[in-house]
Amino acid sequence: MNTKTGIIEDVMVTLLSDLCKEFLSHLMVGHNIKEDGIDEIVDKVENRFFGYSQKAVVVAMKGAYRRYVEWERTN
C-alpha cells in the first residue's frame, strides 16, 4: 500500500493457492483505504471469495486497516 495516498498497490497472502492470491489481489488492488475505508473491500471478499480462509482473510484485512489508521494518526 502506498502510505501517502492510501491506495493498495499489491496484496500478499500466505497459505493460499496462487489462484486465490490472484483473485484477492484483483478485488483489493487500486482501492483507496485512506479515502474509502475498508468496508467495500470486506464486502467484496465476503460476497465473492468463498474459500475456506474467507474469515481469516477478512480478520487480517481489518487488523491491517486498524494498524494503518493508528500509524496514520501518529505520523
N, C-alpha and C. Protein backbone atom coordinates (compact mmCIF):
# COMPACT_ATOMS: atom_id res chain seq x y z
N MET A 1 0.83 -1.17 0.00
CA MET A 1 0.00 0.00 0.00
C MET A 1 0.88 1.23 0.00
N ASN A 2 0.45 2.20 -0.72
CA ASN A 2 1.14 3.48 -0.75
C ASN A 2 0.69 4.27 0.48
N THR A 3 1.60 4.49 1.42
CA THR A 3 1.22 5.15 2.67
C THR A 3 0.87 6.62 2.49
N LYS A 4 1.30 7.22 1.40
CA LYS A 4 0.96 8.63 1.16
C LYS A 4 -0.45 8.78 0.60
N THR A 5 -0.83 7.88 -0.29
CA THR A 5 -2.14 8.00 -0.94
C THR A 5 -3.20 7.10 -0.33
N GLY A 6 -2.78 6.01 0.32
CA GLY A 6 -3.73 5.05 0.87
C GLY A 6 -4.21 4.03 -0.14
N ILE A 7 -3.64 4.05 -1.34
CA ILE A 7 -4.07 3.12 -2.39
C ILE A 7 -3.32 1.79 -2.26
N ILE A 8 -4.08 0.72 -2.27
CA ILE A 8 -3.49 -0.62 -2.20
C ILE A 8 -2.84 -0.90 -3.55
N GLU A 9 -1.54 -1.19 -3.52
CA GLU A 9 -0.79 -1.42 -4.76
C GLU A 9 -0.46 -2.89 -4.97
N ASP A 10 -0.46 -3.67 -3.91
CA ASP A 10 -0.12 -5.08 -4.01
C ASP A 10 -0.75 -5.82 -2.85
N VAL A 11 -0.98 -7.11 -3.03
CA VAL A 11 -1.56 -7.94 -1.98
C VAL A 11 -0.70 -9.18 -1.83
N MET A 12 -0.32 -9.48 -0.59
CA MET A 12 0.43 -10.70 -0.31
C MET A 12 -0.36 -11.51 0.71
N VAL A 13 -0.60 -12.76 0.36
CA VAL A 13 -1.35 -13.65 1.23
C VAL A 13 -0.61 -14.97 1.27
N THR A 14 -0.34 -15.47 2.47
CA THR A 14 0.32 -16.76 2.58
C THR A 14 -0.72 -17.86 2.79
N LEU A 15 -0.34 -19.06 2.54
CA LEU A 15 -1.16 -20.25 2.75
C LEU A 15 -2.38 -20.35 1.84
N LEU A 16 -2.38 -19.62 0.75
CA LEU A 16 -3.46 -19.73 -0.22
C LEU A 16 -2.88 -20.10 -1.57
N SER A 17 -3.68 -20.72 -2.40
CA SER A 17 -3.21 -21.08 -3.74
C SER A 17 -2.94 -19.83 -4.56
N ASP A 18 -2.17 -19.98 -5.61
CA ASP A 18 -1.87 -18.84 -6.47
C ASP A 18 -3.14 -18.24 -7.06
N LEU A 19 -4.10 -19.09 -7.38
CA LEU A 19 -5.36 -18.60 -7.94
C LEU A 19 -6.10 -17.72 -6.93
N CYS A 20 -6.13 -18.16 -5.68
CA CYS A 20 -6.78 -17.36 -4.63
C CYS A 20 -6.06 -16.05 -4.42
N LYS A 21 -4.74 -16.09 -4.41
CA LYS A 21 -3.96 -14.86 -4.24
C LYS A 21 -4.26 -13.88 -5.37
N GLU A 22 -4.31 -14.41 -6.58
CA GLU A 22 -4.58 -13.56 -7.75
C GLU A 22 -5.98 -12.95 -7.66
N PHE A 23 -6.95 -13.74 -7.25
CA PHE A 23 -8.32 -13.24 -7.15
C PHE A 23 -8.44 -12.18 -6.06
N LEU A 24 -7.84 -12.42 -4.90
CA LEU A 24 -7.89 -11.43 -3.82
C LEU A 24 -7.18 -10.15 -4.24
N SER A 25 -6.09 -10.29 -4.95
CA SER A 25 -5.38 -9.12 -5.46
C SER A 25 -6.29 -8.33 -6.40
N HIS A 26 -7.00 -9.04 -7.26
CA HIS A 26 -7.94 -8.41 -8.18
C HIS A 26 -9.01 -7.62 -7.42
N LEU A 27 -9.47 -8.15 -6.30
CA LEU A 27 -10.51 -7.48 -5.51
C LEU A 27 -10.00 -6.24 -4.78
N MET A 28 -8.72 -6.25 -4.40
CA MET A 28 -8.21 -5.21 -3.50
C MET A 28 -7.35 -4.13 -4.14
N VAL A 29 -6.52 -4.50 -5.11
CA VAL A 29 -5.57 -3.54 -5.68
C VAL A 29 -6.33 -2.38 -6.33
N GLY A 30 -5.87 -1.18 -6.02
CA GLY A 30 -6.48 0.03 -6.55
C GLY A 30 -7.45 0.70 -5.59
N HIS A 31 -7.83 -0.03 -4.55
CA HIS A 31 -8.76 0.53 -3.57
C HIS A 31 -8.02 1.53 -2.68
N ASN A 32 -8.65 2.64 -2.39
CA ASN A 32 -8.04 3.67 -1.55
C ASN A 32 -8.63 3.58 -0.15
N ILE A 33 -7.87 2.98 0.77
CA ILE A 33 -8.39 2.82 2.13
C ILE A 33 -8.33 4.11 2.92
N LYS A 34 -7.49 5.03 2.50
CA LYS A 34 -7.40 6.32 3.19
C LYS A 34 -8.69 7.11 3.00
N GLU A 35 -9.23 7.09 1.79
CA GLU A 35 -10.45 7.84 1.49
C GLU A 35 -11.72 7.02 1.66
N ASP A 36 -11.65 5.72 1.34
CA ASP A 36 -12.85 4.90 1.28
C ASP A 36 -13.01 3.90 2.42
N GLY A 37 -11.99 3.78 3.27
CA GLY A 37 -12.08 2.82 4.36
C GLY A 37 -11.97 1.39 3.87
N ILE A 38 -12.40 0.47 4.70
CA ILE A 38 -12.20 -0.96 4.43
C ILE A 38 -13.51 -1.69 4.12
N ASP A 39 -14.64 -1.09 4.40
CA ASP A 39 -15.92 -1.80 4.27
C ASP A 39 -16.19 -2.33 2.87
N GLU A 40 -15.86 -1.56 1.85
CA GLU A 40 -16.12 -2.01 0.48
C GLU A 40 -15.32 -3.26 0.14
N ILE A 41 -14.06 -3.30 0.57
CA ILE A 41 -13.23 -4.48 0.30
C ILE A 41 -13.75 -5.68 1.08
N VAL A 42 -14.13 -5.46 2.33
CA VAL A 42 -14.67 -6.55 3.14
C VAL A 42 -15.92 -7.12 2.47
N ASP A 43 -16.79 -6.25 1.99
CA ASP A 43 -17.99 -6.71 1.29
C ASP A 43 -17.63 -7.53 0.05
N LYS A 44 -16.65 -7.06 -0.71
CA LYS A 44 -16.23 -7.81 -1.90
C LYS A 44 -15.74 -9.20 -1.53
N VAL A 45 -14.91 -9.28 -0.51
CA VAL A 45 -14.36 -10.57 -0.10
C VAL A 45 -15.47 -11.48 0.41
N GLU A 46 -16.36 -10.95 1.24
CA GLU A 46 -17.43 -11.77 1.80
C GLU A 46 -18.43 -12.23 0.73
N ASN A 47 -18.62 -11.44 -0.31
CA ASN A 47 -19.61 -11.79 -1.32
C ASN A 47 -19.05 -12.48 -2.56
N ARG A 48 -17.71 -12.46 -2.71
CA ARG A 48 -17.15 -13.03 -3.94
C ARG A 48 -16.07 -14.07 -3.71
N PHE A 49 -15.48 -14.12 -2.50
CA PHE A 49 -14.43 -15.09 -2.21
C PHE A 49 -15.00 -16.13 -1.25
N PHE A 50 -15.15 -17.34 -1.73
CA PHE A 50 -15.81 -18.38 -0.93
C PHE A 50 -14.84 -19.46 -0.46
N GLY A 51 -13.56 -19.12 -0.41
CA GLY A 51 -12.57 -20.07 0.08
C GLY A 51 -12.74 -20.31 1.57
N TYR A 52 -12.16 -21.43 2.03
CA TYR A 52 -12.25 -21.78 3.45
C TYR A 52 -11.63 -20.70 4.34
N SER A 53 -10.72 -19.95 3.79
CA SER A 53 -10.00 -18.95 4.58
C SER A 53 -10.64 -17.57 4.53
N GLN A 54 -11.87 -17.48 4.06
CA GLN A 54 -12.53 -16.18 3.91
C GLN A 54 -12.51 -15.38 5.21
N LYS A 55 -12.92 -15.99 6.30
CA LYS A 55 -12.98 -15.25 7.57
C LYS A 55 -11.59 -14.81 8.02
N ALA A 56 -10.60 -15.66 7.83
CA ALA A 56 -9.23 -15.31 8.21
C ALA A 56 -8.73 -14.13 7.38
N VAL A 57 -9.07 -14.11 6.11
CA VAL A 57 -8.66 -13.00 5.24
C VAL A 57 -9.31 -11.71 5.71
N VAL A 58 -10.59 -11.76 6.03
CA VAL A 58 -11.31 -10.57 6.49
C VAL A 58 -10.73 -10.07 7.81
N VAL A 59 -10.46 -10.97 8.73
CA VAL A 59 -9.86 -10.58 10.02
C VAL A 59 -8.50 -9.93 9.79
N ALA A 60 -7.70 -10.51 8.92
CA ALA A 60 -6.37 -9.95 8.63
C ALA A 60 -6.48 -8.57 7.99
N MET A 61 -7.43 -8.41 7.07
CA MET A 61 -7.63 -7.11 6.43
C MET A 61 -8.03 -6.05 7.45
N LYS A 62 -8.96 -6.40 8.32
CA LYS A 62 -9.41 -5.44 9.33
C LYS A 62 -8.27 -5.08 10.29
N GLY A 63 -7.47 -6.07 10.66
CA GLY A 63 -6.33 -5.80 11.53
C GLY A 63 -5.31 -4.89 10.87
N ALA A 64 -5.03 -5.15 9.61
CA ALA A 64 -4.08 -4.31 8.87
C ALA A 64 -4.63 -2.89 8.74
N TYR A 65 -5.91 -2.78 8.51
CA TYR A 65 -6.53 -1.45 8.39
C TYR A 65 -6.44 -0.69 9.72
N ARG A 66 -6.73 -1.37 10.83
CA ARG A 66 -6.62 -0.72 12.14
C ARG A 66 -5.20 -0.24 12.39
N ARG A 67 -4.21 -1.06 12.02
CA ARG A 67 -2.81 -0.65 12.20
C ARG A 67 -2.48 0.54 11.30
N TYR A 68 -3.02 0.55 10.09
CA TYR A 68 -2.79 1.68 9.19
C TYR A 68 -3.39 2.96 9.77
N VAL A 69 -4.61 2.88 10.27
CA VAL A 69 -5.27 4.06 10.84
C VAL A 69 -4.46 4.58 12.03
N GLU A 70 -3.99 3.67 12.87
CA GLU A 70 -3.16 4.07 14.01
C GLU A 70 -1.87 4.72 13.54
N TRP A 71 -1.23 4.12 12.55
CA TRP A 71 0.01 4.67 12.01
C TRP A 71 -0.25 6.05 11.42
N GLU A 72 -1.33 6.18 10.68
CA GLU A 72 -1.68 7.46 10.05
C GLU A 72 -1.89 8.54 11.11
N ARG A 73 -2.50 8.18 12.21
CA ARG A 73 -2.78 9.14 13.27
C ARG A 73 -1.50 9.61 13.97
N THR A 74 -0.51 8.74 14.07
CA THR A 74 0.70 9.09 14.80
C THR A 74 1.82 9.65 13.92
N ASN A 75 1.63 9.66 12.63
CA ASN A 75 2.68 10.16 11.73
C ASN A 75 2.24 11.39 10.97
